Amino acid sequence: MQYIIDGHNLIPNIRGLTLGDLDDEQTLIDLLTPFLRAKRSRAMVFFDRAAVGQAGQRNFGLVKAVFVPAGQTADSAIASYIRQLKGASQNHTLVSSDRAVQTSARAYHAAVLTSQQFAQMLQEFYEQDPQNDVTEPLLSAEEVEQWEDLFNQYGGMPPDGLNP
């Protein structure tokens, strides 16, 4: 099973993520990777409003991101992609709450999940195994020791002597 994801439609449904975040697309990709690995799946994530010179496809392992250029929408790019899949679309699941995109996916017999349903699946996955959560990476014991040594060298003050 491969997922076709409307990225900017999904982001606001994930706790701790907003479209206003500077790196919201990369954070979503990072959240998807462990989930996809556990599900033995892949995803094609579409993001619209790509910055000038940033449009196109990029491969992030199990996630392929499509940055749709200005003047086009992720919705139209998703519908076009599903049409190109033809019969193979029945092996895909669309993740979007946009009704028009859902309708085009169903016309080609792709499964459909709303963004809220998929966000719930992600949340349950991370609640079952919090070590997979990439939103708050844990430091190794060695890294904690290095930071403690650094702070102890300066009596708990930053190296420049200023209070934060």
Foldseek 3Di string as FASTA:
>chain_A
DEEEEAQQQQQVLAPPGDPPDPPRVVLVVLLVVVVCVVVVYAYEYEYEDADVPRAAWDDDDRYIYGYHHPPDHSLVVLLVVLVVCQQVQLVYEYEDPDPVSVVSSVVSNHHYDYSNRVSVVSVVVCVVPVCSNPVDHDDDPVVVVVVVVQCVVVVNDPPVRDHD
